[in-house]
Amino acid sequence: MPKGGKKGGHKGRMRTYTSPEEIDAQMKEEKERKKKEEEEGAAVNDNQSEDKLTASGSEDSDDEGSEKRKGVEGLIEIENPNRVAQKAKKVTDIELEGPKQLSRREREEIEKQKAKERYMKMHLAGKTDQAKADLARLAIIRKQREEAARKKEEERKAKEAAQAVATATKELHTLSLK
């Protein structure tokens, strides 16, 4: 991309382009610099690892307290009595089955569910006011349906009797004509 931004240079200057040879030279310099840094870093790391191997196990407990500090923290010693160092918890130390503290919302939700279940059990047993009203309404509807069925049956029987009488009178009438 040309130097000078999107709209060109400042005050009508011409754009300047980097030649491919310059780009290749810059890339080679960066690679060489990285290689040198890696070699120097590897040599320093080898020395540090040898020092750690020769140290005894008593220093291992000291390593836990001195964690790698970020920024200026490593340079300045701070003694804050209120600061609590966070320790890494091991998987074996975590208590999964211990008593769990529930939040207020969770407790209220559980209580609400239990109350609803108790109400449904009482409702199914017919002990609540709403259940009693429902059962009374159902009894009234049953009686009405039974009465309607009885009336229908009586009407059907009356109709059959009327038809029987009508057929009997027709037969008598036809017999009398003969």
N, C-alpha and C. Protein backbone atom coordinates (compact mmCIF):
# COMPACT_ATOMS: atom_id res chain seq x y z
N MET A 1 0.86 -1.17 0.00
CA MET A 1 0.00 0.00 0.00
C MET A 1 0.90 1.23 0.00
N PRO A 2 0.54 2.22 -0.71
CA PRO A 2 1.40 3.41 -0.78
C PRO A 2 1.36 4.17 0.53
N LYS A 3 2.46 4.82 0.82
CA LYS A 3 2.51 5.66 2.01
C LYS A 3 1.70 6.91 1.75
N GLY A 4 1.13 7.44 2.80
CA GLY A 4 0.43 8.70 2.62
C GLY A 4 -1.07 8.57 2.83
N GLY A 5 -1.58 7.40 3.11
CA GLY A 5 -2.99 7.25 3.44
C GLY A 5 -3.86 7.03 2.24
N LYS A 6 -5.17 7.17 2.45
CA LYS A 6 -6.15 6.84 1.42
C LYS A 6 -6.25 7.91 0.35
N LYS A 7 -6.20 9.16 0.75
CA LYS A 7 -6.51 10.23 -0.20
C LYS A 7 -5.25 10.84 -0.81
N GLY A 8 -4.14 10.26 -0.57
CA GLY A 8 -2.92 10.83 -1.15
C GLY A 8 -2.11 11.54 -0.08
N GLY A 9 -1.13 12.25 -0.51
CA GLY A 9 -0.21 12.89 0.41
C GLY A 9 -0.75 14.18 0.97
N HIS A 10 0.09 14.80 1.76
CA HIS A 10 -0.27 16.07 2.38
C HIS A 10 0.08 17.21 1.44
N LYS A 11 -0.84 18.08 1.18
CA LYS A 11 -0.65 19.27 0.37
C LYS A 11 -0.12 18.96 -1.03
N GLY A 12 -0.64 17.96 -1.64
CA GLY A 12 -0.32 17.71 -3.03
C GLY A 12 0.99 17.02 -3.29
N ARG A 13 1.59 16.44 -2.24
CA ARG A 13 2.83 15.69 -2.49
C ARG A 13 2.52 14.43 -3.26
N MET A 14 3.49 13.91 -3.94
CA MET A 14 3.30 12.69 -4.70
C MET A 14 3.39 11.49 -3.76
N ARG A 15 2.76 10.43 -4.13
CA ARG A 15 2.82 9.20 -3.34
C ARG A 15 4.17 8.55 -3.53
N THR A 16 4.62 7.94 -2.41
CA THR A 16 5.90 7.22 -2.48
C THR A 16 5.62 5.74 -2.26
N TYR A 17 6.22 4.91 -3.07
CA TYR A 17 6.00 3.47 -2.98
C TYR A 17 7.29 2.79 -2.53
N THR A 18 7.15 1.71 -1.77
CA THR A 18 8.30 0.93 -1.34
C THR A 18 8.59 -0.09 -2.41
N SER A 19 9.85 -0.19 -2.77
CA SER A 19 10.21 -1.14 -3.83
C SER A 19 10.23 -2.56 -3.26
N PRO A 20 10.01 -3.57 -4.10
CA PRO A 20 10.02 -4.96 -3.63
C PRO A 20 11.37 -5.37 -3.03
N GLU A 21 12.46 -4.80 -3.51
CA GLU A 21 13.77 -5.15 -2.95
C GLU A 21 13.88 -4.68 -1.51
N GLU A 22 13.35 -3.48 -1.22
CA GLU A 22 13.38 -2.96 0.14
C GLU A 22 12.53 -3.82 1.07
N ILE A 23 11.38 -4.26 0.59
CA ILE A 23 10.50 -5.12 1.40
C ILE A 23 11.20 -6.43 1.72
N ASP A 24 11.84 -7.06 0.72
CA ASP A 24 12.57 -8.31 0.94
C ASP A 24 13.68 -8.11 1.96
N ALA A 25 14.42 -7.00 1.87
CA ALA A 25 15.52 -6.72 2.79
C ALA A 25 14.99 -6.56 4.22
N GLN A 26 13.87 -5.87 4.38
CA GLN A 26 13.29 -5.68 5.71
C GLN A 26 12.83 -7.01 6.30
N MET A 27 12.24 -7.86 5.47
CA MET A 27 11.79 -9.18 5.93
C MET A 27 12.96 -10.02 6.40
N LYS A 28 14.06 -10.01 5.66
CA LYS A 28 15.25 -10.79 6.04
C LYS A 28 15.82 -10.29 7.35
N GLU A 29 15.86 -8.99 7.54
CA GLU A 29 16.38 -8.43 8.78
C GLU A 29 15.53 -8.86 9.97
N GLU A 30 14.20 -8.84 9.81
CA GLU A 30 13.31 -9.26 10.90
C GLU A 30 13.50 -10.73 11.25
N LYS A 31 13.64 -11.59 10.24
CA LYS A 31 13.86 -13.02 10.48
C LYS A 31 15.16 -13.25 11.22
N GLU A 32 16.23 -12.56 10.81
CA GLU A 32 17.53 -12.72 11.47
C GLU A 32 17.44 -12.25 12.92
N ARG A 33 16.77 -11.16 13.17
CA ARG A 33 16.63 -10.64 14.53
C ARG A 33 15.86 -11.62 15.40
N LYS A 34 14.80 -12.23 14.86
CA LYS A 34 14.01 -13.22 15.61
C LYS A 34 14.84 -14.44 15.93
N LYS A 35 15.64 -14.90 14.98
CA LYS A 35 16.50 -16.08 15.20
C LYS A 35 17.48 -15.81 16.32
N LYS A 36 18.10 -14.61 16.31
CA LYS A 36 19.06 -14.27 17.36
C LYS A 36 18.38 -14.23 18.73
N GLU A 37 17.20 -13.66 18.79
CA GLU A 37 16.46 -13.58 20.05
C GLU A 37 16.11 -14.97 20.55
N GLU A 38 15.69 -15.86 19.66
CA GLU A 38 15.34 -17.23 20.06
C GLU A 38 16.56 -17.97 20.57
N GLU A 39 17.69 -17.79 19.92
CA GLU A 39 18.91 -18.47 20.36
C GLU A 39 19.33 -17.95 21.73
N GLU A 40 19.29 -16.65 21.94
CA GLU A 40 19.66 -16.08 23.23
C GLU A 40 18.67 -16.52 24.31
N GLY A 41 17.38 -16.54 23.99
CA GLY A 41 16.35 -16.97 24.94
C GLY A 41 16.51 -18.43 25.28
N ALA A 42 16.83 -19.28 24.33
CA ALA A 42 17.01 -20.70 24.58
C ALA A 42 18.20 -20.92 25.49
N ALA A 43 19.28 -20.16 25.29
CA ALA A 43 20.47 -20.31 26.13
C ALA A 43 20.15 -19.90 27.56
N VAL A 44 19.42 -18.83 27.75
CA VAL A 44 19.05 -18.38 29.09
C VAL A 44 18.13 -19.39 29.74
N ASN A 45 17.18 -19.95 29.00
CA ASN A 45 16.26 -20.94 29.54
C ASN A 45 17.00 -22.21 29.95
N ASP A 46 18.00 -22.62 29.19
CA ASP A 46 18.78 -23.81 29.55
C ASP A 46 19.49 -23.59 30.88
N ASN A 47 20.06 -22.42 31.08
CA ASN A 47 20.75 -22.12 32.33
C ASN A 47 19.77 -22.13 33.50
N GLN A 48 18.59 -21.58 33.31
CA GLN A 48 17.60 -21.53 34.38
C GLN A 48 17.09 -22.92 34.70
N SER A 49 16.89 -23.76 33.69
CA SER A 49 16.38 -25.10 33.95
C SER A 49 17.42 -25.93 34.69
N GLU A 50 18.72 -25.73 34.39
CA GLU A 50 19.77 -26.45 35.11
C GLU A 50 19.79 -26.02 36.57
N ASP A 51 19.59 -24.73 36.82
CA ASP A 51 19.57 -24.22 38.19
C ASP A 51 18.40 -24.83 38.95
N LYS A 52 17.27 -24.96 38.32
CA LYS A 52 16.09 -25.53 38.98
C LYS A 52 16.29 -27.00 39.29
N LEU A 53 16.97 -27.72 38.39
CA LEU A 53 17.19 -29.14 38.62
C LEU A 53 18.13 -29.37 39.78
N THR A 54 19.10 -28.51 39.98
CA THR A 54 20.05 -28.68 41.07
C THR A 54 19.46 -28.26 42.40
N ALA A 55 18.40 -27.43 42.39
CA ALA A 55 17.80 -26.97 43.64
C ALA A 55 17.05 -28.12 44.30
N SER A 56 16.96 -28.07 45.64
CA SER A 56 16.28 -29.14 46.39
C SER A 56 14.78 -28.90 46.41
N GLY A 57 14.04 -29.85 46.95
CA GLY A 57 12.58 -29.78 46.99
C GLY A 57 12.07 -28.74 47.97
N SER A 58 12.91 -28.24 48.88
CA SER A 58 12.46 -27.25 49.86
C SER A 58 12.12 -25.93 49.20
N GLU A 59 12.71 -25.65 48.06
CA GLU A 59 12.42 -24.39 47.38
C GLU A 59 11.12 -24.46 46.58
N ASP A 60 10.59 -25.65 46.37
CA ASP A 60 9.35 -25.78 45.61
C ASP A 60 8.20 -25.07 46.30
N SER A 61 8.16 -25.13 47.63
CA SER A 61 7.09 -24.47 48.36
C SER A 61 7.22 -22.96 48.26
N ASP A 62 8.44 -22.43 48.12
CA ASP A 62 8.64 -21.00 47.97
C ASP A 62 8.18 -20.52 46.60
N ASP A 63 8.28 -21.40 45.59
CA ASP A 63 7.89 -21.02 44.24
C ASP A 63 6.40 -20.72 44.15
N GLU A 64 5.59 -21.39 44.96
CA GLU A 64 4.15 -21.17 44.91
C GLU A 64 3.79 -19.76 45.35
N GLY A 65 4.49 -19.23 46.35
CA GLY A 65 4.21 -17.89 46.85
C GLY A 65 4.67 -16.83 45.90
N SER A 66 5.77 -17.03 45.21
CA SER A 66 6.30 -16.01 44.30
C SER A 66 5.85 -16.31 42.89
N GLU A 67 4.68 -15.83 42.56
CA GLU A 67 4.16 -16.02 41.22
C GLU A 67 4.71 -14.92 40.32
N LYS A 68 4.63 -15.12 39.03
CA LYS A 68 5.13 -14.13 38.10
C LYS A 68 4.23 -12.90 38.19
N ARG A 69 4.84 -11.77 38.44
CA ARG A 69 4.07 -10.55 38.63
C ARG A 69 4.04 -9.76 37.32
N LYS A 70 2.98 -9.05 37.12
CA LYS A 70 2.80 -8.29 35.89
C LYS A 70 3.24 -6.85 36.11
N GLY A 71 3.78 -6.25 35.09
CA GLY A 71 4.09 -4.82 35.11
C GLY A 71 5.09 -4.44 36.18
N VAL A 72 4.75 -3.42 36.97
CA VAL A 72 5.66 -2.86 37.96
C VAL A 72 5.58 -3.62 39.28
N GLU A 73 4.65 -4.54 39.42
CA GLU A 73 4.48 -5.26 40.68
C GLU A 73 5.75 -5.96 41.12
N GLY A 74 6.53 -6.45 40.16
CA GLY A 74 7.76 -7.16 40.49
C GLY A 74 8.81 -6.24 41.07
N LEU A 75 8.74 -4.96 40.75
CA LEU A 75 9.75 -4.01 41.22
C LEU A 75 9.41 -3.42 42.58
N ILE A 76 8.12 -3.29 42.88
CA ILE A 76 7.69 -2.65 44.12
C ILE A 76 7.13 -3.72 45.05
N GLU A 77 7.62 -3.76 46.27
CA GLU A 77 7.10 -4.68 47.27
C GLU A 77 5.94 -3.99 47.99
N ILE A 78 4.79 -4.60 47.99
CA ILE A 78 3.62 -4.03 48.62
C ILE A 78 3.20 -4.96 49.76
N GLU A 79 2.99 -4.39 50.92
CA GLU A 79 2.51 -5.18 52.05
C GLU A 79 1.13 -4.67 52.42
N ASN A 80 0.15 -5.21 51.83
CA ASN A 80 -1.23 -4.83 52.09
C ASN A 80 -1.87 -5.94 52.92
N PRO A 81 -2.20 -5.69 54.17
CA PRO A 81 -2.78 -6.75 55.01
C PRO A 81 -4.16 -7.18 54.54
N ASN A 82 -4.85 -6.31 53.79
CA ASN A 82 -6.19 -6.64 53.33
C ASN A 82 -6.19 -7.47 52.06
N ARG A 83 -5.07 -7.51 51.38
CA ARG A 83 -5.00 -8.24 50.12
C ARG A 83 -4.90 -9.73 50.41
N VAL A 84 -5.79 -10.49 49.81
CA VAL A 84 -5.79 -11.93 49.97
C VAL A 84 -5.27 -12.55 48.68
N ALA A 85 -4.24 -13.33 48.80
CA ALA A 85 -3.67 -13.97 47.62
C ALA A 85 -4.59 -15.12 47.21
N GLN A 86 -4.90 -15.17 45.94
CA GLN A 86 -5.76 -16.24 45.45
C GLN A 86 -4.94 -17.49 45.25
N LYS A 87 -5.40 -18.55 45.85
CA LYS A 87 -4.69 -19.82 45.71
C LYS A 87 -5.47 -20.70 44.73
N ALA A 88 -4.75 -21.43 43.94
CA ALA A 88 -5.38 -22.32 42.97
C ALA A 88 -5.98 -23.51 43.72
N LYS A 89 -7.22 -23.82 43.44
CA LYS A 89 -7.88 -24.95 44.09
C LYS A 89 -7.64 -26.21 43.29
N LYS A 90 -7.39 -27.29 43.99
CA LYS A 90 -7.22 -28.57 43.33
C LYS A 90 -8.58 -29.22 43.15
N VAL A 91 -8.67 -30.07 42.19
CA VAL A 91 -9.93 -30.73 41.90
C VAL A 91 -10.37 -31.61 43.07
N THR A 92 -9.41 -32.19 43.76
CA THR A 92 -9.75 -33.07 44.88
C THR A 92 -10.25 -32.29 46.08
N ASP A 93 -9.89 -31.00 46.18
CA ASP A 93 -10.30 -30.19 47.32
C ASP A 93 -11.71 -29.63 47.17
N ILE A 94 -12.20 -29.57 45.97
CA ILE A 94 -13.52 -28.97 45.73
C ILE A 94 -14.60 -29.92 46.25
N GLU A 95 -15.51 -29.35 47.04
CA GLU A 95 -16.60 -30.16 47.61
C GLU A 95 -17.85 -29.98 46.75
N LEU A 96 -18.18 -30.99 46.01
CA LEU A 96 -19.37 -30.92 45.17
C LEU A 96 -20.62 -31.33 45.94
N GLU A 97 -20.46 -32.24 46.88
CA GLU A 97 -21.62 -32.79 47.56
C GLU A 97 -21.93 -32.09 48.88
N GLY A 98 -21.19 -31.06 49.21
CA GLY A 98 -21.42 -30.32 50.45
C GLY A 98 -22.72 -29.55 50.37
N PRO A 99 -23.18 -28.99 51.50
CA PRO A 99 -24.42 -28.22 51.48
C PRO A 99 -24.25 -26.97 50.65
N LYS A 100 -25.12 -26.82 49.68
CA LYS A 100 -25.03 -25.70 48.74
C LYS A 100 -25.89 -24.56 49.24
N GLN A 101 -25.35 -23.37 49.27
CA GLN A 101 -26.09 -22.19 49.68
C GLN A 101 -26.91 -21.69 48.50
N LEU A 102 -28.21 -21.61 48.68
CA LEU A 102 -29.09 -21.16 47.60
C LEU A 102 -29.33 -19.67 47.72
N SER A 103 -29.52 -19.03 46.62
CA SER A 103 -29.84 -17.60 46.64
C SER A 103 -31.31 -17.44 47.04
N ARG A 104 -31.67 -16.21 47.34
CA ARG A 104 -33.04 -15.93 47.77
C ARG A 104 -34.02 -16.28 46.67
N ARG A 105 -33.70 -15.96 45.43
CA ARG A 105 -34.61 -16.26 44.32
C ARG A 105 -34.78 -17.76 44.15
N GLU A 106 -33.69 -18.51 44.29
CA GLU A 106 -33.78 -19.97 44.13
C GLU A 106 -34.65 -20.56 45.24
N ARG A 107 -34.42 -20.08 46.49
CA ARG A 107 -35.24 -20.58 47.61
C ARG A 107 -36.70 -20.27 47.39
N GLU A 108 -37.03 -19.05 46.96
CA GLU A 108 -38.42 -18.68 46.73
C GLU A 108 -39.04 -19.52 45.62
N GLU A 109 -38.25 -19.80 44.58
CA GLU A 109 -38.74 -20.62 43.47
C GLU A 109 -39.07 -22.04 43.95
N ILE A 110 -38.20 -22.60 44.77
CA ILE A 110 -38.43 -23.96 45.30
C ILE A 110 -39.66 -23.97 46.20
N GLU A 111 -39.78 -22.96 47.07
CA GLU A 111 -40.95 -22.89 47.96
C GLU A 111 -42.24 -22.76 47.14
N LYS A 112 -42.18 -21.96 46.08
CA LYS A 112 -43.36 -21.77 45.22
C LYS A 112 -43.77 -23.09 44.57
N GLN A 113 -42.79 -23.85 44.09
CA GLN A 113 -43.09 -25.14 43.45
C GLN A 113 -43.69 -26.12 44.46
N LYS A 114 -43.13 -26.16 45.68
CA LYS A 114 -43.65 -27.07 46.70
C LYS A 114 -45.08 -26.70 47.09
N ALA A 115 -45.36 -25.40 47.22
CA ALA A 115 -46.71 -24.96 47.56
C ALA A 115 -47.69 -25.35 46.46
N LYS A 116 -47.27 -25.20 45.21
CA LYS A 116 -48.13 -25.57 44.09
C LYS A 116 -48.43 -27.07 44.10
N GLU A 117 -47.40 -27.88 44.39
CA GLU A 117 -47.61 -29.33 44.46
C GLU A 117 -48.57 -29.70 45.58
N ARG A 118 -48.42 -29.07 46.77
CA ARG A 118 -49.33 -29.34 47.89
C ARG A 118 -50.76 -28.99 47.51
N TYR A 119 -50.95 -27.84 46.85
CA TYR A 119 -52.28 -27.41 46.46
C TYR A 119 -52.90 -28.40 45.47
N MET A 120 -52.09 -28.87 44.50
CA MET A 120 -52.62 -29.82 43.52
C MET A 120 -53.04 -31.13 44.19
N LYS A 121 -52.24 -31.60 45.18
CA LYS A 121 -52.61 -32.83 45.89
C LYS A 121 -53.93 -32.65 46.63
N MET A 122 -54.08 -31.51 47.31
CA MET A 122 -55.32 -31.25 48.04
C MET A 122 -56.49 -31.08 47.06
N HIS A 123 -56.23 -30.47 45.93
CA HIS A 123 -57.28 -30.27 44.93
C HIS A 123 -57.76 -31.60 44.38
N LEU A 124 -56.81 -32.51 44.10
CA LEU A 124 -57.20 -33.82 43.60
C LEU A 124 -57.94 -34.62 44.65
N ALA A 125 -57.62 -34.39 45.94
CA ALA A 125 -58.32 -35.09 47.01
C ALA A 125 -59.69 -34.47 47.27
N GLY A 126 -59.95 -33.28 46.71
CA GLY A 126 -61.25 -32.63 46.88
C GLY A 126 -61.34 -31.84 48.17
N LYS A 127 -60.24 -31.39 48.71
CA LYS A 127 -60.26 -30.68 50.00
C LYS A 127 -60.24 -29.16 49.85
N THR A 128 -59.98 -28.66 48.68
CA THR A 128 -59.94 -27.21 48.51
C THR A 128 -61.32 -26.68 48.14
N ASP A 129 -61.51 -25.38 48.35
CA ASP A 129 -62.81 -24.76 48.03
C ASP A 129 -63.11 -24.87 46.55
N GLN A 130 -62.10 -24.66 45.74
CA GLN A 130 -62.30 -24.73 44.30
C GLN A 130 -62.69 -26.15 43.87
N ALA A 131 -62.05 -27.14 44.47
CA ALA A 131 -62.38 -28.54 44.13
C ALA A 131 -63.81 -28.87 44.55
N LYS A 132 -64.23 -28.38 45.74
CA LYS A 132 -65.60 -28.63 46.20
C LYS A 132 -66.61 -27.99 45.26
N ALA A 133 -66.32 -26.76 44.81
CA ALA A 133 -67.23 -26.08 43.88
C ALA A 133 -67.29 -26.84 42.56
N ASP A 134 -66.13 -27.32 42.09
CA ASP A 134 -66.11 -28.08 40.83
C ASP A 134 -66.93 -29.35 40.96
N LEU A 135 -66.78 -30.07 42.07
CA LEU A 135 -67.52 -31.31 42.27
C LEU A 135 -69.03 -31.05 42.36
N ALA A 136 -69.42 -29.97 43.03
CA ALA A 136 -70.84 -29.63 43.12
C ALA A 136 -71.40 -29.32 41.73
N ARG A 137 -70.65 -28.55 40.96
CA ARG A 137 -71.08 -28.22 39.60
C ARG A 137 -71.21 -29.49 38.76
N LEU A 138 -70.26 -30.41 38.89
CA LEU A 138 -70.33 -31.67 38.15
C LEU A 138 -71.55 -32.50 38.56
N ALA A 139 -71.86 -32.49 39.85
CA ALA A 139 -73.04 -33.24 40.32
C ALA A 139 -74.32 -32.67 39.71
N ILE A 140 -74.42 -31.35 39.66
CA ILE A 140 -75.60 -30.70 39.08
C ILE A 140 -75.71 -31.06 37.60
N ILE A 141 -74.61 -31.03 36.89
CA ILE A 141 -74.61 -31.36 35.46
C ILE A 141 -75.01 -32.81 35.25
N ARG A 142 -74.51 -33.71 36.11
CA ARG A 142 -74.88 -35.14 35.99
C ARG A 142 -76.39 -35.31 36.16
N LYS A 143 -76.97 -34.62 37.18
CA LYS A 143 -78.41 -34.72 37.41
C LYS A 143 -79.20 -34.22 36.21
N GLN A 144 -78.74 -33.09 35.66
CA GLN A 144 -79.43 -32.53 34.50
C GLN A 144 -79.36 -33.50 33.32
N ARG A 145 -78.22 -34.10 33.13
CA ARG A 145 -78.08 -35.05 32.01
C ARG A 145 -78.93 -36.29 32.23
N GLU A 146 -78.97 -36.77 33.49
CA GLU A 146 -79.81 -37.95 33.79
C GLU A 146 -81.28 -37.63 33.54
N GLU A 147 -81.73 -36.44 33.98
CA GLU A 147 -83.12 -36.04 33.76
C GLU A 147 -83.41 -35.92 32.26
N ALA A 148 -82.46 -35.35 31.51
CA ALA A 148 -82.66 -35.20 30.07
C ALA A 148 -82.73 -36.58 29.42
N ALA A 149 -81.88 -37.51 29.85
CA ALA A 149 -81.90 -38.87 29.29
C ALA A 149 -83.22 -39.55 29.63
N ARG A 150 -83.69 -39.36 30.88
CA ARG A 150 -84.94 -39.97 31.29
C ARG A 150 -86.11 -39.42 30.47
N LYS A 151 -86.15 -38.09 30.27
CA LYS A 151 -87.21 -37.47 29.47
C LYS A 151 -87.17 -37.98 28.03
N LYS A 152 -85.97 -38.10 27.49
CA LYS A 152 -85.83 -38.57 26.13
C LYS A 152 -86.36 -40.00 26.00
N GLU A 153 -86.01 -40.82 27.01
CA GLU A 153 -86.47 -42.21 27.01
C GLU A 153 -88.00 -42.26 27.10
N GLU A 154 -88.60 -41.42 27.96
CA GLU A 154 -90.05 -41.38 28.10
C GLU A 154 -90.72 -40.92 26.79
N GLU A 155 -90.12 -39.93 26.16
CA GLU A 155 -90.66 -39.44 24.89
C GLU A 155 -90.59 -40.53 23.83
N ARG A 156 -89.48 -41.28 23.81
CA ARG A 156 -89.34 -42.35 22.83
C ARG A 156 -90.39 -43.44 23.07
N LYS A 157 -90.57 -43.77 24.37
CA LYS A 157 -91.59 -44.79 24.68
C LYS A 157 -92.99 -44.29 24.32
N ALA A 158 -93.27 -43.03 24.60
CA ALA A 158 -94.59 -42.46 24.28
C ALA A 158 -94.79 -42.47 22.77
N LYS A 159 -93.72 -42.17 22.02
CA LYS A 159 -93.81 -42.17 20.57
C LYS A 159 -94.09 -43.57 20.05
N GLU A 160 -93.37 -44.55 20.64
CA GLU A 160 -93.59 -45.94 20.22
C GLU A 160 -95.03 -46.37 20.54
N ALA A 161 -95.49 -45.97 21.73
CA ALA A 161 -96.87 -46.33 22.11
C ALA A 161 -97.86 -45.66 21.16
N ALA A 162 -97.59 -44.41 20.80
CA ALA A 162 -98.49 -43.70 19.88
C ALA A 162 -98.48 -44.37 18.52
N GLN A 163 -97.32 -44.81 18.08
CA GLN A 163 -97.23 -45.50 16.81
C GLN A 163 -97.96 -46.85 16.89
N ALA A 164 -97.80 -47.52 18.01
CA ALA A 164 -98.48 -48.82 18.17
C ALA A 164 -100.00 -48.62 18.14
N VAL A 165 -100.47 -47.58 18.81
CA VAL A 165 -101.91 -47.29 18.81
C VAL A 165 -102.36 -46.92 17.41
N ALA A 166 -101.55 -46.13 16.71
CA ALA A 166 -101.91 -45.70 15.36
C ALA A 166 -101.96 -46.91 14.44
N THR A 167 -101.02 -47.81 14.52
CA THR A 167 -101.02 -49.00 13.67
C THR A 167 -102.18 -49.92 14.04
N ALA A 168 -102.47 -49.98 15.33
CA ALA A 168 -103.59 -50.83 15.76
C ALA A 168 -104.91 -50.27 15.24
N THR A 169 -105.08 -48.98 15.28
CA THR A 169 -106.31 -48.38 14.78
C THR A 169 -106.43 -48.54 13.28
N LYS A 170 -105.29 -48.48 12.56
CA LYS A 170 -105.32 -48.67 11.12
C LYS A 170 -105.72 -50.10 10.80
N GLU A 171 -105.18 -51.03 11.60
CA GLU A 171 -105.52 -52.44 11.36
C GLU A 171 -107.02 -52.67 11.62
N LEU A 172 -107.53 -52.07 12.68
CA LEU A 172 -108.95 -52.21 12.99
C LEU A 172 -109.81 -51.59 11.90
N HIS A 173 -109.35 -50.46 11.45
CA HIS A 173 -110.08 -49.78 10.39
C HIS A 173 -110.08 -50.58 9.11
N THR A 174 -108.94 -51.19 8.76
CA THR A 174 -108.87 -51.99 7.56
C THR A 174 -109.70 -53.28 7.73
N LEU A 175 -109.70 -53.83 8.92
CA LEU A 175 -110.51 -55.02 9.19
C LEU A 175 -112.00 -54.71 9.11
N SER A 176 -112.32 -53.55 9.62
CA SER A 176 -113.74 -53.16 9.60
C SER A 176 -114.20 -52.91 8.16
N LEU A 177 -113.37 -52.46 7.33
CA LEU A 177 -113.73 -52.22 5.94
C LEU A 177 -113.89 -53.51 5.16
N LYS A 178 -113.18 -54.48 5.56
CA LYS A 178 -113.24 -55.73 4.84
C LYS A 178 -114.49 -56.42 5.21
